[in-house]
Amino acid sequence: MKFYRKIRKQVRPENLLESVRENKVRTAVIAGTFLLVLYIIFNSNGLLPRVRLEMEREAMQEKIRLAEEEQRKLKDQSKALDGDPKAIEKVAREKYGMVRENEKVYKVAPKK
């Protein structure tokens, strides 16, 4: 007994419509899969909005970290200013340009 393999037609652009008509189930499965993938990617709870939300979350966490760090520095500075006269004098001199009595201030002119 001899078995022969069924020869399949090659799918070319010219006979694509004919191939689709012959294989309606396979075509429906491919089209349904394609639509399902599009739905999963682009719907309101899909992959793209998820990725966008993850990026926003990371940016917000970085902002929170920076704000906490700044708050910690300000608390340290506030504690130093509460009772340390040297810290108070340093801030007064640097930030407000204050000087002690009978103290001379020399300003250096920039080079031209």
PDB file of N, CA and C in Angstrom:
ATOM      1  N   MET A   1       0.843  -1.162   0.000  1.00  0.00           N
ATOM      2  CA  MET A   1       0.000   0.000   0.000  1.00  0.00           C
ATOM      3  C   MET A   1       0.897   1.237   0.000  1.00  0.00           C
ATOM      4  N   LYS A   2       0.609   2.171  -0.876  1.00  0.00           N
ATOM      5  CA  LYS A   2       1.400   3.387  -0.976  1.00  0.00           C
ATOM      6  C   LYS A   2       0.603   4.563  -0.419  1.00  0.00           C
ATOM      7  N   PHE A   3       1.338   5.438   0.282  1.00  0.00           N
ATOM      8  CA  PHE A   3       0.710   6.636   0.809  1.00  0.00           C
ATOM      9  C   PHE A   3       1.277   7.832   0.076  1.00  0.00           C
ATOM     10  N   TYR A   4       0.404   8.671  -0.308  1.00  0.00           N
ATOM     11  CA  TYR A   4       0.840   9.862  -1.009  1.00  0.00           C
ATOM     12  C   TYR A   4       0.550  11.093  -0.156  1.00  0.00           C
ATOM     13  N   ARG A   5       1.506  11.952  -0.185  1.00  0.00           N
ATOM     14  CA  ARG A   5       1.337  13.196   0.551  1.00  0.00           C
ATOM     15  C   ARG A   5       0.540  14.175  -0.308  1.00  0.00           C
ATOM     16  N   LYS A   6      -0.385  14.836   0.344  1.00  0.00           N
ATOM     17  CA  LYS A   6      -1.216  15.798  -0.367  1.00  0.00           C
ATOM     18  C   LYS A   6      -0.374  17.037  -0.651  1.00  0.00           C
ATOM     19  N   ILE A   7      -0.352  17.456  -1.858  1.00  0.00           N
ATOM     20  CA  ILE A   7       0.420  18.628  -2.256  1.00  0.00           C
ATOM     21  C   ILE A   7      -0.403  19.873  -1.952  1.00  0.00           C
ATOM     22  N   ARG A   8       0.233  20.786  -1.182  1.00  0.00           N
ATOM     23  CA  ARG A   8      -0.463  22.016  -0.806  1.00  0.00           C
ATOM     24  C   ARG A   8      -0.107  23.117  -1.790  1.00  0.00           C
ATOM     25  N   LYS A   9      -1.071  23.936  -2.039  1.00  0.00           N
ATOM     26  CA  LYS A   9      -0.829  25.088  -2.906  1.00  0.00           C
ATOM     27  C   LYS A   9      -0.045  26.139  -2.127  1.00  0.00           C
ATOM     28  N   GLN A  10       0.856  26.812  -2.794  1.00  0.00           N
ATOM     29  CA  GLN A  10       1.559  27.911  -2.155  1.00  0.00           C
ATOM     30  C   GLN A  10       0.644  29.127  -2.142  1.00  0.00           C
ATOM     31  N   VAL A  11       0.693  29.841  -1.027  1.00  0.00           N
ATOM     32  CA  VAL A  11      -0.155  31.017  -0.900  1.00  0.00           C
ATOM     33  C   VAL A  11       0.602  32.196  -1.484  1.00  0.00           C
ATOM     34  N   ARG A  12       0.053  32.738  -2.511  1.00  0.00           N
ATOM     35  CA  ARG A  12       0.625  33.903  -3.176  1.00  0.00           C
ATOM     36  C   ARG A  12      -0.416  35.013  -3.149  1.00  0.00           C
ATOM     37  N   PRO A  13       0.017  36.231  -3.337  1.00  0.00           N
ATOM     38  CA  PRO A  13      -0.959  37.329  -3.328  1.00  0.00           C
ATOM     39  C   PRO A  13      -2.094  37.125  -4.323  1.00  0.00           C
ATOM     40  N   GLU A  14      -1.816  36.464  -5.422  1.00  0.00           N
ATOM     41  CA  GLU A  14      -2.865  36.267  -6.440  1.00  0.00           C
ATOM     42  C   GLU A  14      -3.949  35.305  -5.944  1.00  0.00           C
ATOM     43  N   ASN A  15      -3.540  34.263  -5.216  1.00  0.00           N
ATOM     44  CA  ASN A  15      -4.523  33.280  -4.768  1.00  0.00           C
ATOM     45  C   ASN A  15      -4.795  33.364  -3.260  1.00  0.00           C
ATOM     46  N   LEU A  16      -4.522  34.501  -2.644  1.00  0.00           N
ATOM     47  CA  LEU A  16      -4.753  34.681  -1.218  1.00  0.00           C
ATOM     48  C   LEU A  16      -6.249  34.631  -0.893  1.00  0.00           C
ATOM     49  N   LEU A  17      -7.055  35.302  -1.690  1.00  0.00           N
ATOM     50  CA  LEU A  17      -8.493  35.311  -1.451  1.00  0.00           C
ATOM     51  C   LEU A  17      -9.068  33.898  -1.563  1.00  0.00           C
ATOM     52  N   GLU A  18      -8.573  33.141  -2.481  1.00  0.00           N
ATOM     53  CA  GLU A  18      -9.024  31.760  -2.650  1.00  0.00           C
ATOM     54  C   GLU A  18      -8.629  30.912  -1.430  1.00  0.00           C
ATOM     55  N   SER A  19      -7.428  31.142  -0.913  1.00  0.00           N
ATOM     56  CA  SER A  19      -6.957  30.414   0.271  1.00  0.00           C
ATOM     57  C   SER A  19      -7.808  30.760   1.490  1.00  0.00           C
ATOM     58  N   VAL A  20      -8.195  32.034   1.602  1.00  0.00           N
ATOM     59  CA  VAL A  20      -9.042  32.455   2.718  1.00  0.00           C
ATOM     60  C   VAL A  20     -10.406  31.784   2.622  1.00  0.00           C
ATOM     61  N   ARG A  21     -10.954  31.687   1.446  1.00  0.00           N
ATOM     62  CA  ARG A  21     -12.268  31.046   1.271  1.00  0.00           C
ATOM     63  C   ARG A  21     -12.209  29.557   1.617  1.00  0.00           C
ATOM     64  N   GLU A  22     -11.104  28.907   1.273  1.00  0.00           N
ATOM     65  CA  GLU A  22     -10.986  27.471   1.539  1.00  0.00           C
ATOM     66  C   GLU A  22     -10.787  27.186   3.028  1.00  0.00           C
ATOM     67  N   ASN A  23     -10.068  28.056   3.713  1.00  0.00           N
ATOM     68  CA  ASN A  23      -9.733  27.824   5.116  1.00  0.00           C
ATOM     69  C   ASN A  23     -10.436  28.856   6.003  1.00  0.00           C
ATOM     70  N   LYS A  24     -11.746  28.814   6.015  1.00  0.00           N
ATOM     71  CA  LYS A  24     -12.523  29.810   6.762  1.00  0.00           C
ATOM     72  C   LYS A  24     -12.273  29.716   8.263  1.00  0.00           C
ATOM     73  N   VAL A  25     -12.148  28.535   8.794  1.00  0.00           N
ATOM     74  CA  VAL A  25     -11.945  28.374  10.233  1.00  0.00           C
ATOM     75  C   VAL A  25     -10.593  28.936  10.646  1.00  0.00           C
ATOM     76  N   ARG A  26      -9.548  28.580   9.891  1.00  0.00           N
ATOM     77  CA  ARG A  26      -8.207  29.072  10.214  1.00  0.00           C
ATOM     78  C   ARG A  26      -8.156  30.595  10.097  1.00  0.00           C
ATOM     79  N   THR A  27      -8.792  31.138   9.069  1.00  0.00           N
ATOM     80  CA  THR A  27      -8.825  32.588   8.885  1.00  0.00           C
ATOM     81  C   THR A  27      -9.563  33.255  10.040  1.00  0.00           C
ATOM     82  N   ALA A  28     -10.669  32.669  10.485  1.00  0.00           N
ATOM     83  CA  ALA A  28     -11.432  33.237  11.603  1.00  0.00           C
ATOM     84  C   ALA A  28     -10.601  33.190  12.885  1.00  0.00           C
ATOM     85  N   VAL A  29      -9.865  32.108  13.096  1.00  0.00           N
ATOM     86  CA  VAL A  29      -9.031  31.996  14.296  1.00  0.00           C
ATOM     87  C   VAL A  29      -7.914  33.043  14.264  1.00  0.00           C
ATOM     88  N   ILE A  30      -7.277  33.221  13.130  1.00  0.00           N
ATOM     89  CA  ILE A  30      -6.205  34.217  12.999  1.00  0.00           C
ATOM     90  C   ILE A  30      -6.756  35.624  13.218  1.00  0.00           C
ATOM     91  N   ALA A  31      -7.895  35.928  12.605  1.00  0.00           N
ATOM     92  CA  ALA A  31      -8.500  37.258  12.765  1.00  0.00           C
ATOM     93  C   ALA A  31      -8.924  37.488  14.213  1.00  0.00           C
ATOM     94  N   GLY A  32      -9.506  36.484  14.839  1.00  0.00           N
ATOM     95  CA  GLY A  32      -9.915  36.607  16.241  1.00  0.00           C
ATOM     96  C   GLY A  32      -8.720  36.799  17.161  1.00  0.00           C
ATOM     97  N   THR A  33      -7.653  36.059  16.902  1.00  0.00           N
ATOM     98  CA  THR A  33      -6.432  36.217  17.703  1.00  0.00           C
ATOM     99  C   THR A  33      -5.859  37.608  17.538  1.00  0.00           C
ATOM    100  N   PHE A  34      -5.843  38.092  16.312  1.00  0.00           N
ATOM    101  CA  PHE A  34      -5.320  39.437  16.041  1.00  0.00           C
ATOM    102  C   PHE A  34      -6.133  40.499  16.788  1.00  0.00           C
ATOM    103  N   LEU A  35      -7.461  40.370  16.733  1.00  0.00           N
ATOM    104  CA  LEU A  35      -8.319  41.324  17.435  1.00  0.00           C
ATOM    105  C   LEU A  35      -8.135  41.234  18.954  1.00  0.00           C
ATOM    106  N   LEU A  36      -7.961  40.024  19.463  1.00  0.00           N
ATOM    107  CA  LEU A  36      -7.748  39.841  20.896  1.00  0.00           C
ATOM    108  C   LEU A  36      -6.436  40.483  21.339  1.00  0.00           C
ATOM    109  N   VAL A  37      -5.391  40.313  20.550  1.00  0.00           N
ATOM    110  CA  VAL A  37      -4.099  40.932  20.870  1.00  0.00           C
ATOM    111  C   VAL A  37      -4.230  42.454  20.854  1.00  0.00           C
ATOM    112  N   LEU A  38      -4.905  43.004  19.849  1.00  0.00           N
ATOM    113  CA  LEU A  38      -5.123  44.447  19.806  1.00  0.00           C
ATOM    114  C   LEU A  38      -5.892  44.930  21.030  1.00  0.00           C
ATOM    115  N   TYR A  39      -6.907  44.170  21.433  1.00  0.00           N
ATOM    116  CA  TYR A  39      -7.709  44.544  22.602  1.00  0.00           C
ATOM    117  C   TYR A  39      -6.854  44.524  23.870  1.00  0.00           C
ATOM    118  N   ILE A  40      -6.042  43.493  24.024  1.00  0.00           N
ATOM    119  CA  ILE A  40      -5.198  43.374  25.219  1.00  0.00           C
ATOM    120  C   ILE A  40      -4.201  44.515  25.295  1.00  0.00           C
ATOM    121  N   ILE A  41      -3.660  44.909  24.172  1.00  0.00           N
ATOM    122  CA  ILE A  41      -2.638  45.962  24.169  1.00  0.00           C
ATOM    123  C   ILE A  41      -3.257  47.341  24.356  1.00  0.00           C
ATOM    124  N   PHE A  42      -4.332  47.632  23.659  1.00  0.00           N
ATOM    125  CA  PHE A  42      -4.810  49.010  23.574  1.00  0.00           C
ATOM    126  C   PHE A  42      -6.042  49.349  24.409  1.00  0.00           C
ATOM    127  N   ASN A  43      -6.664  48.401  25.099  1.00  0.00           N
ATOM    128  CA  ASN A  43      -7.851  48.787  25.865  1.00  0.00           C
ATOM    129  C   ASN A  43      -7.455  49.608  27.085  1.00  0.00           C
ATOM    130  N   SER A  44      -8.409  50.128  27.816  1.00  0.00           N
ATOM    131  CA  SER A  44      -8.121  51.048  28.920  1.00  0.00           C
ATOM    132  C   SER A  44      -7.367  50.372  30.060  1.00  0.00           C
ATOM    133  N   ASN A  45      -7.452  49.075  30.194  1.00  0.00           N
ATOM    134  CA  ASN A  45      -6.699  48.342  31.213  1.00  0.00           C
ATOM    135  C   ASN A  45      -5.601  47.481  30.587  1.00  0.00           C
ATOM    136  N   GLY A  46      -5.183  47.821  29.387  1.00  0.00           N
ATOM    137  CA  GLY A  46      -4.234  47.009  28.648  1.00  0.00           C
ATOM    138  C   GLY A  46      -2.791  47.289  28.997  1.00  0.00           C
ATOM    139  N   LEU A  47      -1.918  46.820  28.121  1.00  0.00           N
ATOM    140  CA  LEU A  47      -0.483  46.912  28.374  1.00  0.00           C
ATOM    141  C   LEU A  47       0.050  48.339  28.272  1.00  0.00           C
ATOM    142  N   LEU A  48      -0.369  49.079  27.267  1.00  0.00           N
ATOM    143  CA  LEU A  48       0.160  50.436  27.106  1.00  0.00           C
ATOM    144  C   LEU A  48      -0.196  51.346  28.275  1.00  0.00           C
ATOM    145  N   PRO A  49      -1.449  51.383  28.708  1.00  0.00           N
ATOM    146  CA  PRO A  49      -1.745  52.203  29.896  1.00  0.00           C
ATOM    147  C   PRO A  49      -1.003  51.704  31.136  1.00  0.00           C
ATOM    148  N   ARG A  50      -0.810  50.407  31.243  1.00  0.00           N
ATOM    149  CA  ARG A  50      -0.082  49.840  32.386  1.00  0.00           C
ATOM    150  C   ARG A  50       1.370  50.330  32.393  1.00  0.00           C
ATOM    151  N   VAL A  51       2.006  50.290  31.236  1.00  0.00           N
ATOM    152  CA  VAL A  51       3.395  50.757  31.139  1.00  0.00           C
ATOM    153  C   VAL A  51       3.466  52.248  31.466  1.00  0.00           C
ATOM    154  N   ARG A  52       2.522  53.018  30.958  1.00  0.00           N
ATOM    155  CA  ARG A  52       2.496  54.459  31.220  1.00  0.00           C
ATOM    156  C   ARG A  52       2.324  54.729  32.722  1.00  0.00           C
ATOM    157  N   LEU A  53       1.441  53.986  33.365  1.00  0.00           N
ATOM    158  CA  LEU A  53       1.223  54.158  34.802  1.00  0.00           C
ATOM    159  C   LEU A  53       2.472  53.759  35.606  1.00  0.00           C
ATOM    160  N   GLU A  54       3.154  52.712  35.178  1.00  0.00           N
ATOM    161  CA  GLU A  54       4.380  52.302  35.867  1.00  0.00           C
ATOM    162  C   GLU A  54       5.449  53.390  35.771  1.00  0.00           C
ATOM    163  N   MET A  55       5.551  54.024  34.610  1.00  0.00           N
ATOM    164  CA  MET A  55       6.532  55.100  34.431  1.00  0.00           C
ATOM    165  C   MET A  55       6.170  56.296  35.315  1.00  0.00           C
ATOM    166  N   GLU A  56       4.891  56.643  35.372  1.00  0.00           N
ATOM    167  CA  GLU A  56       4.442  57.739  36.233  1.00  0.00           C
ATOM    168  C   GLU A  56       4.703  57.419  37.705  1.00  0.00           C
ATOM    169  N   ARG A  57       4.479  56.170  38.070  1.00  0.00           N
ATOM    170  CA  ARG A  57       4.712  55.736  39.447  1.00  0.00           C
ATOM    171  C   ARG A  57       6.180  55.894  39.831  1.00  0.00           C
ATOM    172  N   GLU A  58       7.077  55.478  38.949  1.00  0.00           N
ATOM    173  CA  GLU A  58       8.502  55.614  39.221  1.00  0.00           C
ATOM    174  C   GLU A  58       8.899  57.081  39.353  1.00  0.00           C
ATOM    175  N   ALA A  59       8.338  57.937  38.495  1.00  0.00           N
ATOM    176  CA  ALA A  59       8.646  59.367  38.569  1.00  0.00           C
ATOM    177  C   ALA A  59       8.143  59.956  39.884  1.00  0.00           C
ATOM    178  N   MET A  60       6.948  59.562  40.298  1.00  0.00           N
ATOM    179  CA  MET A  60       6.398  60.060  41.564  1.00  0.00           C
ATOM    180  C   MET A  60       7.224  59.576  42.755  1.00  0.00           C
ATOM    181  N   GLN A  61       7.671  58.327  42.714  1.00  0.00           N
ATOM    182  CA  GLN A  61       8.494  57.810  43.804  1.00  0.00           C
ATOM    183  C   GLN A  61       9.814  58.575  43.900  1.00  0.00           C
ATOM    184  N   GLU A  62      10.384  58.938  42.760  1.00  0.00           N
ATOM    185  CA  GLU A  62      11.617  59.729  42.763  1.00  0.00           C
ATOM    186  C   GLU A  62      11.362  61.108  43.355  1.00  0.00           C
ATOM    187  N   LYS A  63      10.233  61.736  43.007  1.00  0.00           N
ATOM    188  CA  LYS A  63       9.881  63.036  43.589  1.00  0.00           C
ATOM    189  C   LYS A  63       9.700  62.924  45.099  1.00  0.00           C
ATOM    190  N   ILE A  64       9.056  61.858  45.549  1.00  0.00           N
ATOM    191  CA  ILE A  64       8.851  61.649  46.985  1.00  0.00           C
ATOM    192  C   ILE A  64      10.192  61.481  47.689  1.00  0.00           C
ATOM    193  N   ARG A  65      11.096  60.717  47.086  1.00  0.00           N
ATOM    194  CA  ARG A  65      12.409  60.499  47.689  1.00  0.00           C
ATOM    195  C   ARG A  65      13.164  61.812  47.822  1.00  0.00           C
ATOM    196  N   LEU A  66      13.132  62.641  46.776  1.00  0.00           N
ATOM    197  CA  LEU A  66      13.820  63.935  46.815  1.00  0.00           C
ATOM    198  C   LEU A  66      13.195  64.863  47.851  1.00  0.00           C
ATOM    199  N   ALA A  67      11.866  64.865  47.953  1.00  0.00           N
ATOM    200  CA  ALA A  67      11.186  65.709  48.936  1.00  0.00           C
ATOM    201  C   ALA A  67      11.515  65.260  50.361  1.00  0.00           C
ATOM    202  N   GLU A  68      11.573  63.954  50.591  1.00  0.00           N
ATOM    203  CA  GLU A  68      11.926  63.449  51.918  1.00  0.00           C
ATOM    204  C   GLU A  68      13.357  63.816  52.289  1.00  0.00           C
ATOM    205  N   GLU A  69      14.245  63.743  51.308  1.00  0.00           N
ATOM    206  CA  GLU A  69      15.644  64.111  51.548  1.00  0.00           C
ATOM    207  C   GLU A  69      15.759  65.602  51.892  1.00  0.00           C
ATOM    208  N   GLU A  70      15.037  66.431  51.153  1.00  0.00           N
ATOM    209  CA  GLU A  70      15.054  67.867  51.429  1.00  0.00           C
ATOM    210  C   GLU A  70      14.455  68.158  52.811  1.00  0.00           C
ATOM    211  N   GLN A  71      13.382  67.464  53.151  1.00  0.00           N
ATOM    212  CA  GLN A  71      12.749  67.647  54.459  1.00  0.00           C
ATOM    213  C   GLN A  71      13.718  67.255  55.574  1.00  0.00           C
ATOM    214  N   ARG A  72      14.454  66.169  55.388  1.00  0.00           N
ATOM    215  CA  ARG A  72      15.424  65.737  56.386  1.00  0.00           C
ATOM    216  C   ARG A  72      16.513  66.792  56.579  1.00  0.00           C
ATOM    217  N   LYS A  73      17.006  67.362  55.472  1.00  0.00           N
ATOM    218  CA  LYS A  73      18.031  68.409  55.554  1.00  0.00           C
ATOM    219  C   LYS A  73      17.496  69.640  56.294  1.00  0.00           C
ATOM    220  N   LEU A  74      16.266  70.025  55.988  1.00  0.00           N
ATOM    221  CA  LEU A  74      15.671  71.191  56.648  1.00  0.00           C
ATOM    222  C   LEU A  74      15.455  70.944  58.142  1.00  0.00           C
ATOM    223  N   LYS A  75      15.055  69.722  58.516  1.00  0.00           N
ATOM    224  CA  LYS A  75      14.898  69.403  59.932  1.00  0.00           C
ATOM    225  C   LYS A  75      16.241  69.478  60.655  1.00  0.00           C
ATOM    226  N   ASP A  76      17.296  68.940  60.012  1.00  0.00           N
ATOM    227  CA  ASP A  76      18.633  69.013  60.611  1.00  0.00           C
ATOM    228  C   ASP A  76      19.068  70.460  60.795  1.00  0.00           C
ATOM    229  N   GLN A  77      18.810  71.273  59.788  1.00  0.00           N
ATOM    230  CA  GLN A  77      19.172  72.693  59.863  1.00  0.00           C
ATOM    231  C   GLN A  77      18.360  73.387  60.956  1.00  0.00           C
ATOM    232  N   SER A  78      17.097  73.047  61.072  1.00  0.00           N
ATOM    233  CA  SER A  78      16.236  73.649  62.094  1.00  0.00           C
ATOM    234  C   SER A  78      16.723  73.284  63.498  1.00  0.00           C
ATOM    235  N   LYS A  79      17.108  72.013  63.684  1.00  0.00           N
ATOM    236  CA  LYS A  79      17.629  71.587  64.988  1.00  0.00           C
ATOM    237  C   LYS A  79      18.925  72.321  65.316  1.00  0.00           C
ATOM    238  N   ALA A  80      19.773  72.514  64.301  1.00  0.00           N
ATOM    239  CA  ALA A  80      21.036  73.213  64.525  1.00  0.00           C
ATOM    240  C   ALA A  80      20.788  74.669  64.900  1.00  0.00           C
ATOM    241  N   LEU A  81      19.785  75.283  64.302  1.00  0.00           N
ATOM    242  CA  LEU A  81      19.497  76.701  64.572  1.00  0.00           C
ATOM    243  C   LEU A  81      18.802  76.912  65.915  1.00  0.00           C
ATOM    244  N   ASP A  82      18.223  75.852  66.475  1.00  0.00           N
ATOM    245  CA  ASP A  82      17.502  76.009  67.743  1.00  0.00           C
ATOM    246  C   ASP A  82      18.403  76.444  68.899  1.00  0.00           C
ATOM    247  N   GLY A  83      19.588  75.885  68.991  1.00  0.00           N
ATOM    248  CA  GLY A  83      20.377  76.217  70.173  1.00  0.00           C
ATOM    249  C   GLY A  83      21.840  76.514  69.898  1.00  0.00           C
ATOM    250  N   ASP A  84      22.301  76.419  68.684  1.00  0.00           N
ATOM    251  CA  ASP A  84      23.721  76.607  68.386  1.00  0.00           C
ATOM    252  C   ASP A  84      23.963  78.016  67.866  1.00  0.00           C
ATOM    253  N   PRO A  85      24.623  78.873  68.646  1.00  0.00           N
ATOM    254  CA  PRO A  85      24.862  80.253  68.204  1.00  0.00           C
ATOM    255  C   PRO A  85      25.767  80.340  66.972  1.00  0.00           C
ATOM    256  N   LYS A  86      26.685  79.401  66.828  1.00  0.00           N
ATOM    257  CA  LYS A  86      27.572  79.422  65.655  1.00  0.00           C
ATOM    258  C   LYS A  86      26.774  79.174  64.372  1.00  0.00           C
ATOM    259  N   ALA A  87      25.822  78.254  64.427  1.00  0.00           N
ATOM    260  CA  ALA A  87      24.989  77.963  63.256  1.00  0.00           C
ATOM    261  C   ALA A  87      24.133  79.174  62.909  1.00  0.00           C
ATOM    262  N   ILE A  88      23.612  79.842  63.937  1.00  0.00           N
ATOM    263  CA  ILE A  88      22.790  81.032  63.700  1.00  0.00           C
ATOM    264  C   ILE A  88      23.634  82.122  63.056  1.00  0.00           C
ATOM    265  N   GLU A  89      24.854  82.315  63.569  1.00  0.00           N
ATOM    266  CA  GLU A  89      25.736  83.340  63.007  1.00  0.00           C
ATOM    267  C   GLU A  89      26.112  83.009  61.563  1.00  0.00           C
ATOM    268  N   LYS A  90      26.374  81.747  61.290  1.00  0.00           N
ATOM    269  CA  LYS A  90      26.737  81.332  59.928  1.00  0.00           C
ATOM    270  C   LYS A  90      25.609  81.647  58.945  1.00  0.00           C
ATOM    271  N   VAL A  91      24.381  81.308  59.312  1.00  0.00           N
ATOM    272  CA  VAL A  91      23.231  81.578  58.439  1.00  0.00           C
ATOM    273  C   VAL A  91      23.051  83.084  58.270  1.00  0.00           C
ATOM    274  N   ALA A  92      23.191  83.840  59.359  1.00  0.00           N
ATOM    275  CA  ALA A  92      23.016  85.294  59.274  1.00  0.00           C
ATOM    276  C   ALA A  92      24.061  85.912  58.349  1.00  0.00           C
ATOM    277  N   ARG A  93      25.289  85.443  58.432  1.00  0.00           N
ATOM    278  CA  ARG A  93      26.350  85.993  57.580  1.00  0.00           C
ATOM    279  C   ARG A  93      26.166  85.587  56.111  1.00  0.00           C
ATOM    280  N   GLU A  94      25.908  84.295  55.871  1.00  0.00           N
ATOM    281  CA  GLU A  94      25.840  83.798  54.489  1.00  0.00           C
ATOM    282  C   GLU A  94      24.556  84.228  53.778  1.00  0.00           C
ATOM    283  N   LYS A  95      23.456  84.066  54.461  1.00  0.00           N
ATOM    284  CA  LYS A  95      22.173  84.299  53.792  1.00  0.00           C
ATOM    285  C   LYS A  95      21.776  85.770  53.793  1.00  0.00           C
ATOM    286  N   TYR A  96      22.011  86.440  54.888  1.00  0.00           N
ATOM    287  CA  TYR A  96      21.521  87.813  55.018  1.00  0.00           C
ATOM    288  C   TYR A  96      22.621  88.868  54.943  1.00  0.00           C
ATOM    289  N   GLY A  97      23.879  88.451  54.813  1.00  0.00           N
ATOM    290  CA  GLY A  97      24.978  89.398  54.657  1.00  0.00           C
ATOM    291  C   GLY A  97      25.230  90.257  55.889  1.00  0.00           C
ATOM    292  N   MET A  98      24.923  89.773  57.070  1.00  0.00           N
ATOM    293  CA  MET A  98      25.103  90.538  58.300  1.00  0.00           C
ATOM    294  C   MET A  98      26.567  90.458  58.757  1.00  0.00           C
ATOM    295  N   VAL A  99      26.996  91.489  59.480  1.00  0.00           N
ATOM    296  CA  VAL A  99      28.358  91.535  60.026  1.00  0.00           C
ATOM    297  C   VAL A  99      28.279  91.938  61.489  1.00  0.00           C
ATOM    298  N   ARG A 100      29.348  91.642  62.205  1.00  0.00           N
ATOM    299  CA  ARG A 100      29.416  92.052  63.614  1.00  0.00           C
ATOM    300  C   ARG A 100      29.768  93.535  63.695  1.00  0.00           C
ATOM    301  N   GLU A 101      29.599  94.105  64.909  1.00  0.00           N
ATOM    302  CA  GLU A 101      29.981  95.499  65.121  1.00  0.00           C
ATOM    303  C   GLU A 101      31.492  95.637  64.974  1.00  0.00           C
ATOM    304  N   ASN A 102      31.899  96.777  64.421  1.00  0.00           N
ATOM    305  CA  ASN A 102      33.303  97.108  64.224  1.00  0.00           C
ATOM    306  C   ASN A 102      34.023  96.102  63.323  1.00  0.00           C
ATOM    307  N   GLU A 103      33.311  95.413  62.483  1.00  0.00           N
ATOM    308  CA  GLU A 103      33.906  94.454  61.561  1.00  0.00           C
ATOM    309  C   GLU A 103      33.902  95.070  60.163  1.00  0.00           C
ATOM    310  N   LYS A 104      35.010  94.933  59.454  1.00  0.00           N
ATOM    311  CA  LYS A 104      35.116  95.502  58.107  1.00  0.00           C
ATOM    312  C   LYS A 104      34.863  94.391  57.086  1.00  0.00           C
ATOM    313  N   VAL A 105      34.156  94.768  56.041  1.00  0.00           N
ATOM    314  CA  VAL A 105      33.851  93.821  54.978  1.00  0.00           C
ATOM    315  C   VAL A 105      34.614  94.246  53.733  1.00  0.00           C
ATOM    316  N   TYR A 106      35.344  93.343  53.169  1.00  0.00           N
ATOM    317  CA  TYR A 106      36.081  93.596  51.939  1.00  0.00           C
ATOM    318  C   TYR A 106      35.423  92.817  50.811  1.00  0.00           C
ATOM    319  N   LYS A 107      35.132  93.489  49.736  1.00  0.00           N
ATOM    320  CA  LYS A 107      34.550  92.825  48.565  1.00  0.00           C
ATOM    321  C   LYS A 107      35.581  92.815  47.463  1.00  0.00           C
ATOM    322  N   VAL A 108      35.744  91.697  46.831  1.00  0.00           N
ATOM    323  CA  VAL A 108      36.707  91.543  45.759  1.00  0.00           C
ATOM    324  C   VAL A 108      35.982  91.763  44.442  1.00  0.00           C
ATOM    325  N   ALA A 109      36.498  92.675  43.662  1.00  0.00           N
ATOM    326  CA  ALA A 109      35.891  92.975  42.365  1.00  0.00           C
ATOM    327  C   ALA A 109      36.285  91.876  41.375  1.00  0.00           C
ATOM    328  N   PRO A 110      35.350  91.435  40.551  1.00  0.00           N
ATOM    329  CA  PRO A 110      35.690  90.423  39.562  1.00  0.00           C
ATOM    330  C   PRO A 110      36.613  90.982  38.483  1.00  0.00           C
ATOM    331  N   LYS A 111      37.428  90.096  37.894  1.00  0.00           N
ATOM    332  CA  LYS A 111      38.342  90.517  36.833  1.00  0.00           C
ATOM    333  C   LYS A 111      37.553  90.825  35.571  1.00  0.00           C
ATOM    334  N   LYS A 112      38.063  91.811  34.827  1.00  0.00           N
ATOM    335  CA  LYS A 112      37.375  92.176  33.587  1.00  0.00           C
ATOM    336  C   LYS A 112      38.057  91.565  32.409  1.00  0.00           C
TER     337      LYS A 112
END
